[in-house]
C-alpha atoms as a PDB file:
ATOM      1  CA  MET A   1     155.974 155.387 100.470  1.00  0.00           C
ATOM      2  CA  MET A   2     153.432 157.456  98.508  1.00  0.00           C
ATOM      3  CA  LYS A   3     153.399 154.962  95.712  1.00  0.00           C
ATOM      4  CA  ARG A   4     152.676 152.085  98.056  1.00  0.00           C
ATOM      5  CA  TRP A   5     149.789 153.932  99.686  1.00  0.00           C
ATOM      6  CA  LEU A   6     148.440 154.702  96.117  1.00  0.00           C
ATOM      7  CA  ILE A   7     148.527 151.001  95.353  1.00  0.00           C
ATOM      8  CA  VAL A   8     146.607 150.043  98.461  1.00  0.00           C
ATOM      9  CA  VAL A   9     143.963 152.704  97.799  1.00  0.00           C
ATOM     10  CA  VAL A  10     143.599 151.618  94.100  1.00  0.00           C
ATOM     11  CA  THR A  11     143.272 148.008  95.137  1.00  0.00           C
ATOM     12  CA  LEU A  12     140.684 148.771  97.759  1.00  0.00           C
ATOM     13  CA  PHE A  13     138.589 150.904  95.250  1.00  0.00           C
ATOM     14  CA  LEU A  14     138.760 148.039  92.607  1.00  0.00           C
ATOM     15  CA  SER A  15     137.743 145.519  95.164  1.00  0.00           C
ATOM     16  CA  ILE A  16     134.657 147.681  96.119  1.00  0.00           C
ATOM     17  CA  LEU A  17     133.732 148.119  92.414  1.00  0.00           C
ATOM     18  CA  ALA A  18     134.140 144.472  91.815  1.00  0.00           C
ATOM     19  CA  GLY A  19     131.303 143.927  94.484  1.00  0.00           C
ATOM     20  CA  CYS A  20     130.903 141.677  97.337  1.00  0.00           C
ATOM     21  CA  THR A  21     128.882 138.530  97.121  1.00  0.00           C
ATOM     22  CA  LEU A  22     127.579 137.639 100.667  1.00  0.00           C
ATOM     23  CA  PRO A  23     126.193 134.058 101.203  1.00  0.00           C
ATOM     24  CA  LEU A  24     122.819 133.955 103.092  1.00  0.00           C
ATOM     25  CA  SER A  25     122.707 131.818 106.096  1.00  0.00           C
ATOM     26  CA  MET A  26     119.669 129.662 106.149  1.00  0.00           C
ATOM     27  CA  ASP A  27     118.177 127.753 109.053  1.00  0.00           C
ATOM     28  CA  GLN A  28     117.790 123.956 108.842  1.00  0.00           C
ATOM     29  CA  PRO A  29     114.386 123.258 107.206  1.00  0.00           C
ATOM     30  CA  GLU A  30     111.585 122.180 109.423  1.00  0.00           C
ATOM     31  CA  LYS A  31     109.240 119.155 108.916  1.00  0.00           C
ATOM     32  CA  ILE A  32     106.317 120.095 106.654  1.00  0.00           C
ATOM     33  CA  ALA A  33     102.879 119.169 108.008  1.00  0.00           C
ATOM     34  CA  LEU A  34     101.252 116.801 105.492  1.00  0.00           C
ATOM     35  CA  SER A  35      97.585 115.888 105.341  1.00  0.00           C
ATOM     36  CA  HIS A  36      97.996 112.235 104.388  1.00  0.00           C
ATOM     37  CA  GLN A  37      98.049 109.431 106.999  1.00  0.00           C
ATOM     38  CA  GLN A  38     100.098 106.490 105.890  1.00  0.00           C
ATOM     39  CA  PRO A  39     103.439 106.519 104.075  1.00  0.00           C
ATOM     40  CA  HIS A  40     103.771 104.318 100.979  1.00  0.00           C
ATOM     41  CA  PRO A  41     104.995 100.910 102.029  1.00  0.00           C
ATOM     42  CA  CYS A  42     108.154 100.967  99.902  1.00  0.00           C
ATOM     43  CA  ARG A  43     111.803 101.934 100.084  1.00  0.00           C
ATOM     44  CA  ALA A  44     112.627 105.146  98.221  1.00  0.00           C
ATOM     45  CA  GLY A  45     116.118 106.217  96.957  1.00  0.00           C
ATOM     46  CA  LEU A  46     116.646 110.021  97.089  1.00  0.00           C
ATOM     47  CA  TYR A  47     118.931 111.050  94.216  1.00  0.00           C
ATOM     48  CA  ILE A  48     120.368 114.562  94.549  1.00  0.00           C
ATOM     49  CA  SER A  49     122.452 115.412  91.504  1.00  0.00           C
ATOM     50  CA  GLN A  50     125.785 117.387  92.015  1.00  0.00           C
ATOM     51  CA  GLU A  51     124.335 120.220  89.883  1.00  0.00           C
ATOM     52  CA  LEU A  52     121.427 120.565  92.171  1.00  0.00           C
ATOM     53  CA  GLN A  53     123.457 120.211  95.323  1.00  0.00           C
ATOM     54  CA  ASP A  54     125.771 123.082  94.135  1.00  0.00           C
ATOM     55  CA  ALA A  55     122.905 125.408  92.942  1.00  0.00           C
ATOM     56  CA  VAL A  56     123.284 129.002  94.109  1.00  0.00           C
ATOM     57  CA  HIS A  57     121.154 132.017  93.241  1.00  0.00           C
ATOM     58  CA  VAL A  58     122.607 135.423  93.286  1.00  0.00           C
ATOM     59  CA  VAL A  59     120.599 138.674  93.683  1.00  0.00           C
ATOM     60  CA  THR A  60     122.184 142.109  93.144  1.00  0.00           C
ATOM     61  CA  THR A  61     121.161 144.320  95.978  1.00  0.00           C
ATOM     62  CA  SER A  62     123.279 147.381  95.051  1.00  0.00           C
ATOM     63  CA  PRO A  63     126.027 148.392  92.611  1.00  0.00           C
ATOM     64  CA  VAL A  64     128.520 146.899  94.967  1.00  0.00           C
ATOM     65  CA  ASP A  65     126.687 144.068  96.842  1.00  0.00           C
ATOM     66  CA  ARG A  66     125.088 140.837  95.999  1.00  0.00           C
ATOM     67  CA  MET A  67     123.252 138.051  98.117  1.00  0.00           C
ATOM     68  CA  SER A  68     123.947 134.429  97.458  1.00  0.00           C
ATOM     69  CA  TYR A  69     121.110 132.010  98.137  1.00  0.00           C
ATOM     70  CA  PRO A  70     122.292 128.380  98.765  1.00  0.00           C
ATOM     71  CA  ILE A  71     119.189 127.004  97.172  1.00  0.00           C
ATOM     72  CA  GLY A  72     120.675 123.680  96.213  1.00  0.00           C
ATOM     73  CA  ASP A  73     121.912 122.623  99.686  1.00  0.00           C
ATOM     74  CA  GLN A  74     118.605 123.951 101.181  1.00  0.00           C
ATOM     75  CA  THR A  75     116.587 121.831  98.682  1.00  0.00           C
ATOM     76  CA  ARG A  76     118.614 118.742  99.517  1.00  0.00           C
ATOM     77  CA  GLN A  77     117.781 119.247 103.232  1.00  0.00           C
ATOM     78  CA  VAL A  78     114.111 119.818 102.522  1.00  0.00           C
ATOM     79  CA  PHE A  79     113.775 116.624 100.688  1.00  0.00           C
ATOM     80  CA  GLN A  80     115.904 114.602 103.125  1.00  0.00           C
ATOM     81  CA  ILE A  81     113.821 115.807 106.073  1.00  0.00           C
ATOM     82  CA  ASN A  82     110.394 115.407 104.553  1.00  0.00           C
ATOM     83  CA  LEU A  83     110.347 112.356 102.175  1.00  0.00           C
ATOM     84  CA  PRO A  84     110.401 109.864 105.235  1.00  0.00           C
ATOM     85  CA  ALA A  85     106.790 111.087 105.775  1.00  0.00           C
ATOM     86  CA  VAL A  86     105.859 109.905 102.273  1.00  0.00           C
ATOM     87  CA  PHE A  87     107.720 106.653 102.137  1.00  0.00           C
ATOM     88  CA  GLN A  88     108.339 103.874 104.625  1.00  0.00           C
ATOM     89  CA  GLU A  89     112.014 104.174 104.220  1.00  0.00           C
ATOM     90  CA  VAL A  90     114.263 106.669 102.449  1.00  0.00           C
ATOM     91  CA  ILE A  91     117.954 106.345 101.722  1.00  0.00           C
ATOM     92  CA  ALA A  92     120.350 108.549  99.814  1.00  0.00           C
ATOM     93  CA  VAL A  93     121.512 107.111  96.431  1.00  0.00           C
ATOM     94  CA  ASP A  94     124.264 108.339  94.142  1.00  0.00           C
ATOM     95  CA  SER A  95     122.532 107.609  90.809  1.00  0.00           C
ATOM     96  CA  LYS A  96     119.244 107.037  89.092  1.00  0.00           C
ATOM     97  CA  THR A  97     120.268 103.354  88.838  1.00  0.00           C
ATOM     98  CA  PRO A  98     121.622 102.680  92.291  1.00  0.00           C
ATOM     99  CA  SER A  99     123.193  99.440  93.377  1.00  0.00           C
ATOM    100  CA  GLN A 100     121.198  99.615  96.611  1.00  0.00           C
ATOM    101  CA  ALA A 101     117.827  97.699  96.690  1.00  0.00           C
ATOM    102  CA  VAL A 102     115.129 100.377  96.370  1.00  0.00           C
ATOM    103  CA  ASP A 103     111.527 100.296  95.016  1.00  0.00           C
ATOM    104  CA  VAL A 104     111.642 103.811  93.604  1.00  0.00           C
ATOM    105  CA  ILE A 105     114.122 106.634  92.885  1.00  0.00           C
ATOM    106  CA  ILE A 106     112.930 110.243  93.623  1.00  0.00           C
ATOM    107  CA  GLU A 107     114.977 112.977  91.710  1.00  0.00           C
ATOM    108  CA  PRO A 108     114.104 116.509  92.578  1.00  0.00           C
ATOM    109  CA  SER A 109     115.214 119.456  90.548  1.00  0.00           C
ATOM    110  CA  ILE A 110     114.827 123.198  90.645  1.00  0.00           C
ATOM    111  CA  VAL A 111     112.909 124.604  87.665  1.00  0.00           C
ATOM    112  CA  LYS A 112     113.139 128.325  88.654  1.00  0.00           C
ATOM    113  CA  PHE A 113     113.949 130.469  91.738  1.00  0.00           C
ATOM    114  CA  GLU A 114     113.323 134.216  91.907  1.00  0.00           C
ATOM    115  CA  ALA A 115     113.853 136.460  94.902  1.00  0.00           C
ATOM    116  CA  LYS A 116     113.021 140.135  95.239  1.00  0.00           C
ATOM    117  CA  VAL A 117     114.933 142.272  97.718  1.00  0.00           C
ATOM    118  CA  PRO A 118     112.894 145.485  97.738  1.00  0.00           C
ATOM    119  CA  MET A 119     114.189 148.927  97.022  1.00  0.00           C
ATOM    120  CA  PRO A 120     113.119 150.929  99.046  1.00  0.00           C
ATOM    121  CA  ALA A 121     113.244 148.389 101.860  1.00  0.00           C
ATOM    122  CA  TYR A 122     109.756 148.957 103.211  1.00  0.00           C
ATOM    123  CA  ASN A 123     108.333 147.104 100.219  1.00  0.00           C
ATOM    124  CA  PRO A 124     107.589 143.402 100.456  1.00  0.00           C
ATOM    125  CA  TYR A 125     110.329 140.916 100.304  1.00  0.00           C
ATOM    126  CA  GLU A 126     109.304 138.171  97.811  1.00  0.00           C
ATOM    127  CA  ALA A 127     110.449 134.679  96.631  1.00  0.00           C
ATOM    128  CA  ASN A 128     109.056 132.050  94.207  1.00  0.00           C
ATOM    129  CA  MET A 129     110.413 128.449  93.951  1.00  0.00           C
ATOM    130  CA  THR A 130     109.422 125.931  91.275  1.00  0.00           C
ATOM    131  CA  TYR A 131     110.362 122.415  92.048  1.00  0.00           C
ATOM    132  CA  HIS A 132     110.035 119.431  89.628  1.00  0.00           C
ATOM    133  CA  VAL A 133     110.318 115.801  90.743  1.00  0.00           C
ATOM    134  CA  ASP A 134     110.696 112.709  88.654  1.00  0.00           C
ATOM    135  CA  VAL A 135     110.106 109.257  90.096  1.00  0.00           C
ATOM    136  CA  TYR A 136     111.558 106.106  88.609  1.00  0.00           C
ATOM    137  CA  ASN A 137     110.928 102.417  89.269  1.00  0.00           C
ATOM    138  CA  LYS A 138     113.856 100.132  89.957  1.00  0.00           C
ATOM    139  CA  SER A 139     113.988  99.318  86.249  1.00  0.00           C
ATOM    140  CA  GLY A 140     114.744 102.965  85.517  1.00  0.00           C
ATOM    141  CA  GLU A 141     111.330 103.705  83.945  1.00  0.00           C
ATOM    142  CA  LYS A 142     109.727 107.025  84.830  1.00  0.00           C
ATOM    143  CA  ILE A 143     106.396 106.261  86.559  1.00  0.00           C
ATOM    144  CA  PHE A 144     105.481 109.762  87.942  1.00  0.00           C
ATOM    145  CA  ALA A 145     106.351 113.460  87.562  1.00  0.00           C
ATOM    146  CA  GLN A 146     105.130 116.668  89.227  1.00  0.00           C
ATOM    147  CA  THR A 147     106.032 120.339  89.132  1.00  0.00           C
ATOM    148  CA  ALA A 148     104.955 122.836  91.844  1.00  0.00           C
ATOM    149  CA  THR A 149     105.462 126.513  92.545  1.00  0.00           C
ATOM    150  CA  GLY A 150     105.750 127.931  96.002  1.00  0.00           C
ATOM    151  CA  LYS A 151     105.337 131.623  96.662  1.00  0.00           C
ATOM    152  CA  ALA A 152     106.044 133.704  99.793  1.00  0.00           C
ATOM    153  CA  GLN A 153     106.406 137.356 100.849  1.00  0.00           C
ATOM    154  CA  SER A 154     107.029 139.278 103.998  1.00  0.00           C
ATOM    155  CA  SER A 155     106.564 142.961 104.833  1.00  0.00           C
ATOM    156  CA  LYS A 156     108.604 143.728 107.956  1.00  0.00           C
ATOM    157  CA  GLY A 157     108.917 147.512 107.618  1.00  0.00           C
ATOM    158  CA  LEU A 158     112.121 149.422 107.040  1.00  0.00           C
ATOM    159  CA  MET A 159     114.877 146.920 107.283  1.00  0.00           C
ATOM    160  CA  SER A 160     118.508 146.942 105.983  1.00  0.00           C
ATOM    161  CA  GLY A 161     121.827 145.259 106.536  1.00  0.00           C
ATOM    162  CA  PHE A 162     121.780 141.999 108.341  1.00  0.00           C
ATOM    163  CA  SER A 163     118.051 142.319 109.086  1.00  0.00           C
ATOM    164  CA  ALA A 164     117.317 142.399 105.316  1.00  0.00           C
ATOM    165  CA  ARG A 165     119.492 139.294 104.769  1.00  0.00           C
ATOM    166  CA  LYS A 166     117.657 137.444 107.527  1.00  0.00           C
ATOM    167  CA  ILE A 167     114.232 138.318 106.072  1.00  0.00           C
ATOM    168  CA  SER A 168     115.451 137.406 102.583  1.00  0.00           C
ATOM    169  CA  ALA A 169     116.614 134.061 103.832  1.00  0.00           C
ATOM    170  CA  THR A 170     113.313 133.306 105.641  1.00  0.00           C
ATOM    171  CA  VAL A 171     111.115 134.352 102.759  1.00  0.00           C
ATOM    172  CA  ALA A 172     113.216 132.069 100.457  1.00  0.00           C
ATOM    173  CA  GLN A 173     112.694 129.117 102.870  1.00  0.00           C
ATOM    174  CA  MET A 174     108.980 129.918 103.007  1.00  0.00           C
ATOM    175  CA  ALA A 175     108.743 129.613  99.234  1.00  0.00           C
ATOM    176  CA  MET A 176     110.735 126.381  99.230  1.00  0.00           C
ATOM    177  CA  ASN A 177     108.571 124.837 101.882  1.00  0.00           C
ATOM    178  CA  ASP A 178     105.378 125.838  99.973  1.00  0.00           C
ATOM    179  CA  ALA A 179     106.597 124.113  96.835  1.00  0.00           C
ATOM    180  CA  ALA A 180     107.980 121.201  98.667  1.00  0.00           C
ATOM    181  CA  LYS A 181     104.648 120.660 100.487  1.00  0.00           C
ATOM    182  CA  GLN A 182     102.764 120.469  97.225  1.00  0.00           C
ATOM    183  CA  ILE A 183     105.320 117.981  95.863  1.00  0.00           C
ATOM    184  CA  MET A 184     105.125 115.793  99.061  1.00  0.00           C
ATOM    185  CA  GLU A 185     101.311 115.911  98.916  1.00  0.00           C
ATOM    186  CA  GLY A 186     101.403 114.882  95.193  1.00  0.00           C
ATOM    187  CA  LEU A 187     103.839 112.010  95.912  1.00  0.00           C
ATOM    188  CA  ALA A 188     101.668 110.858  98.813  1.00  0.00           C
ATOM    189  CA  GLU A 189      98.479 110.819  96.744  1.00  0.00           C
ATOM    190  CA  ALA A 190     100.028 109.329  93.543  1.00  0.00           C
ATOM    191  CA  GLU A 191      98.388 106.036  92.601  1.00  0.00           C
ATOM    192  CA  GLU A 192     101.393 105.113  90.563  1.00  0.00           C
ATOM    193  CA  LEU A 193     103.426 104.795  93.792  1.00  0.00           C
ATOM    194  CA  GLN A 194     100.995 102.538  95.615  1.00  0.00           C
ATOM    195  CA  ASN A 195     102.481  99.460  94.086  1.00  0.00           C
ATOM    196  CA  PRO A 196     105.648 100.498  92.096  1.00  0.00           C
END
């Protein structure tokens, strides 16, 4: 009986030492307010690579805890929700040379993501997101590219536990939206996309 109890205690202790990675829950992104008036009169294919879709960023918050940011899935949603304001029609495509009839292919990628969970907790929560987007014509030729960095921070006072996780997720989303807005504005204003 004592041996079994010792095994349970040792297993529990090793699990704690190994750490726990907790995935952050992020709200669905909201539409970004853009300043341009008319979308480009063309059909855009949005290509989200599997690598981007699966991207996760992990921040160590203590010797035994880590936060996991689902930045890939959030990026997919940000572009799906906001590209229709830039192009007359947007469809999901599974490659940069899709079988569907499209005028341009939009391929976003994450250059860099950083998040700061403050210690002590009364310091600002911060996040930076750098997006890059490549645009190809239907022949597969790159016709436009842009990189943008979004920054965000929040000071909510002394927070910990689930409150800290919620603030971390919110600040990350703010940084993503800031970068995505710059990308969308750049796409909307690009002369190369007027008649692709």
